[in-house]
Amino acid sequence: MAYTDPIHMPCPTMAGMENPSRELREKSLNTIKQLRNTLGLQRSQKQKPRPLTYTCTGRECLERWEL
């Protein structure tokens, strides 16, 4: 694997990155998915954005309960 910047090279202790393989990566991802299903773990969900609840007048911005 070619690296354009030395900072992106894997550490010498990362033996799995010496010769990366797509098949091994897919097998690892499948194993993790099976473990999550077996142990009942779920991936973290992204938080839904909440709309802004304040209203701005000519002088100031007020929260909904201050109107």
N, C-alpha and C. Protein backbone atom coordinates (compact mmCIF):
# COMPACT_ATOMS: atom_id res chain seq x y z
N MET A 1 0.84 -1.17 0.00
CA MET A 1 0.00 0.00 0.00
C MET A 1 0.89 1.23 0.00
N ALA A 2 0.64 2.18 -0.89
CA ALA A 2 1.45 3.38 -0.98
C ALA A 2 0.88 4.48 -0.08
N TYR A 3 1.76 5.18 0.61
CA TYR A 3 1.36 6.26 1.49
C TYR A 3 2.02 7.55 1.00
N THR A 4 1.22 8.59 0.89
CA THR A 4 1.76 9.86 0.41
C THR A 4 2.41 10.65 1.53
N ASP A 5 2.03 10.39 2.78
CA ASP A 5 2.56 11.12 3.92
C ASP A 5 2.99 10.09 4.96
N PRO A 6 4.20 10.19 5.49
CA PRO A 6 4.67 9.18 6.47
C PRO A 6 3.80 9.10 7.72
N ILE A 7 3.09 10.16 8.05
CA ILE A 7 2.26 10.12 9.26
C ILE A 7 1.09 9.15 9.09
N HIS A 8 0.73 8.81 7.86
CA HIS A 8 -0.38 7.90 7.61
C HIS A 8 0.05 6.44 7.55
N MET A 9 1.32 6.19 7.69
CA MET A 9 1.81 4.81 7.68
C MET A 9 1.41 4.11 8.97
N PRO A 10 1.08 2.82 8.92
CA PRO A 10 0.73 2.11 10.14
C PRO A 10 1.93 1.93 11.06
N CYS A 11 1.64 1.84 12.34
CA CYS A 11 2.70 1.61 13.33
C CYS A 11 3.28 0.22 13.14
N PRO A 12 4.54 -0.02 13.56
CA PRO A 12 5.12 -1.35 13.44
C PRO A 12 4.37 -2.39 14.26
N THR A 13 3.64 -1.96 15.30
CA THR A 13 2.91 -2.91 16.14
C THR A 13 1.58 -3.31 15.52
N MET A 14 1.20 -2.69 14.42
CA MET A 14 -0.06 -3.02 13.76
C MET A 14 0.19 -4.10 12.71
N ALA A 15 0.34 -5.31 13.15
CA ALA A 15 0.71 -6.40 12.25
C ALA A 15 -0.36 -6.66 11.19
N GLY A 16 -1.61 -6.41 11.51
CA GLY A 16 -2.69 -6.66 10.56
C GLY A 16 -2.66 -5.72 9.38
N MET A 17 -1.98 -4.59 9.51
CA MET A 17 -1.92 -3.63 8.41
C MET A 17 -0.70 -3.84 7.52
N GLU A 18 0.07 -4.86 7.82
CA GLU A 18 1.26 -5.14 7.03
C GLU A 18 0.89 -5.51 5.60
N ASN A 19 -0.08 -6.37 5.46
CA ASN A 19 -0.55 -6.82 4.16
C ASN A 19 -2.08 -6.88 4.22
N PRO A 20 -2.78 -5.73 4.14
CA PRO A 20 -4.23 -5.72 4.31
C PRO A 20 -4.94 -6.48 3.19
N SER A 21 -6.01 -7.13 3.57
CA SER A 21 -6.77 -7.93 2.62
C SER A 21 -8.25 -7.60 2.76
N ARG A 22 -8.92 -7.40 1.65
CA ARG A 22 -10.35 -7.08 1.67
C ARG A 22 -11.16 -8.24 2.27
N GLU A 23 -10.78 -9.47 1.94
CA GLU A 23 -11.50 -10.64 2.45
C GLU A 23 -11.41 -10.74 3.97
N LEU A 24 -10.21 -10.50 4.51
CA LEU A 24 -10.04 -10.56 5.96
C LEU A 24 -10.82 -9.44 6.65
N ARG A 25 -10.83 -8.26 6.05
CA ARG A 25 -11.57 -7.13 6.64
C ARG A 25 -13.07 -7.44 6.65
N GLU A 26 -13.59 -7.98 5.56
CA GLU A 26 -15.01 -8.32 5.50
C GLU A 26 -15.35 -9.43 6.49
N LYS A 27 -14.44 -10.40 6.65
CA LYS A 27 -14.66 -11.47 7.62
C LYS A 27 -14.68 -10.90 9.04
N SER A 28 -13.78 -9.97 9.34
CA SER A 28 -13.75 -9.35 10.66
C SER A 28 -15.02 -8.55 10.93
N LEU A 29 -15.48 -7.79 9.94
CA LEU A 29 -16.71 -7.03 10.10
C LEU A 29 -17.91 -7.95 10.32
N ASN A 30 -17.93 -9.08 9.63
CA ASN A 30 -19.02 -10.05 9.80
C ASN A 30 -18.96 -10.66 11.20
N THR A 31 -17.76 -10.95 11.69
CA THR A 31 -17.60 -11.50 13.04
C THR A 31 -18.10 -10.51 14.08
N ILE A 32 -17.76 -9.25 13.92
CA ILE A 32 -18.22 -8.22 14.85
C ILE A 32 -19.74 -8.12 14.81
N LYS A 33 -20.33 -8.18 13.62
CA LYS A 33 -21.79 -8.12 13.49
C LYS A 33 -22.44 -9.30 14.21
N GLN A 34 -21.88 -10.50 14.05
CA GLN A 34 -22.42 -11.68 14.73
C GLN A 34 -22.30 -11.55 16.24
N LEU A 35 -21.17 -11.05 16.74
CA LEU A 35 -21.00 -10.87 18.18
C LEU A 35 -22.00 -9.85 18.73
N ARG A 36 -22.22 -8.77 17.99
CA ARG A 36 -23.22 -7.78 18.44
C ARG A 36 -24.59 -8.41 18.54
N ASN A 37 -24.96 -9.23 17.55
CA ASN A 37 -26.26 -9.90 17.58
C ASN A 37 -26.34 -10.89 18.74
N THR A 38 -25.28 -11.65 18.96
CA THR A 38 -25.27 -12.66 20.01
C THR A 38 -25.34 -12.02 21.39
N LEU A 39 -24.58 -10.95 21.61
CA LEU A 39 -24.52 -10.32 22.91
C LEU A 39 -25.59 -9.25 23.12
N GLY A 40 -26.37 -8.97 22.09
CA GLY A 40 -27.43 -7.98 22.21
C GLY A 40 -26.93 -6.55 22.22
N LEU A 41 -25.76 -6.31 21.65
CA LEU A 41 -25.22 -4.96 21.60
C LEU A 41 -25.74 -4.27 20.34
N GLN A 42 -25.99 -2.98 20.46
CA GLN A 42 -26.46 -2.22 19.31
C GLN A 42 -25.49 -1.09 19.01
N ARG A 43 -25.43 -0.73 17.76
CA ARG A 43 -24.59 0.40 17.37
C ARG A 43 -25.21 1.67 17.92
N SER A 44 -24.39 2.64 18.24
CA SER A 44 -24.90 3.90 18.75
C SER A 44 -25.66 4.62 17.64
N GLN A 45 -26.77 5.21 18.01
CA GLN A 45 -27.60 5.93 17.06
C GLN A 45 -27.21 7.41 17.04
N LYS A 46 -27.25 8.00 15.87
CA LYS A 46 -26.97 9.42 15.77
C LYS A 46 -28.13 10.19 16.38
N GLN A 47 -27.82 11.25 17.09
CA GLN A 47 -28.87 12.07 17.68
C GLN A 47 -29.58 12.86 16.59
N LYS A 48 -30.89 12.95 16.76
CA LYS A 48 -31.67 13.73 15.82
C LYS A 48 -31.52 15.21 16.17
N PRO A 49 -31.35 16.04 15.18
CA PRO A 49 -31.21 17.47 15.48
C PRO A 49 -32.55 18.03 15.98
N ARG A 50 -32.45 18.87 16.99
CA ARG A 50 -33.65 19.51 17.52
C ARG A 50 -33.75 20.92 16.95
N PRO A 51 -34.94 21.32 16.52
CA PRO A 51 -35.08 22.66 15.96
C PRO A 51 -34.91 23.72 17.04
N LEU A 52 -34.50 24.89 16.62
CA LEU A 52 -34.35 26.00 17.55
C LEU A 52 -35.72 26.41 18.07
N THR A 53 -35.79 26.74 19.35
CA THR A 53 -37.08 27.04 19.94
C THR A 53 -37.22 28.48 20.36
N TYR A 54 -36.29 29.34 20.00
CA TYR A 54 -36.40 30.73 20.42
C TYR A 54 -36.91 31.59 19.26
N THR A 55 -37.43 32.75 19.63
CA THR A 55 -37.94 33.69 18.66
C THR A 55 -37.22 35.02 18.85
N CYS A 56 -36.75 35.58 17.78
CA CYS A 56 -36.04 36.85 17.87
C CYS A 56 -36.98 37.98 17.49
N THR A 57 -36.98 39.02 18.32
CA THR A 57 -37.74 40.24 18.04
C THR A 57 -36.74 41.31 17.60
N GLY A 58 -37.21 42.51 17.46
CA GLY A 58 -36.32 43.59 17.06
C GLY A 58 -35.30 43.93 18.13
N ARG A 59 -35.60 43.63 19.40
CA ARG A 59 -34.71 43.99 20.51
C ARG A 59 -33.88 42.82 21.04
N GLU A 60 -34.51 41.63 21.08
CA GLU A 60 -33.83 40.49 21.72
C GLU A 60 -34.38 39.17 21.22
N CYS A 61 -33.72 38.10 21.58
CA CYS A 61 -34.20 36.76 21.27
C CYS A 61 -34.75 36.15 22.55
N LEU A 62 -35.94 35.57 22.48
CA LEU A 62 -36.62 35.02 23.64
C LEU A 62 -36.90 33.55 23.46
N GLU A 63 -36.83 32.82 24.56
CA GLU A 63 -37.23 31.41 24.54
C GLU A 63 -38.74 31.33 24.43
N ARG A 64 -39.25 30.18 24.08
CA ARG A 64 -40.67 30.00 23.87
C ARG A 64 -41.48 30.35 25.13
N TRP A 65 -40.98 29.99 26.31
CA TRP A 65 -41.72 30.22 27.54
C TRP A 65 -41.63 31.68 28.01
N GLU A 66 -40.77 32.48 27.41
CA GLU A 66 -40.63 33.89 27.79
C GLU A 66 -41.56 34.80 26.98
N LEU A 67 -42.21 34.28 25.95
CA LEU A 67 -43.08 35.10 25.09
C LEU A 67 -44.36 35.47 25.79
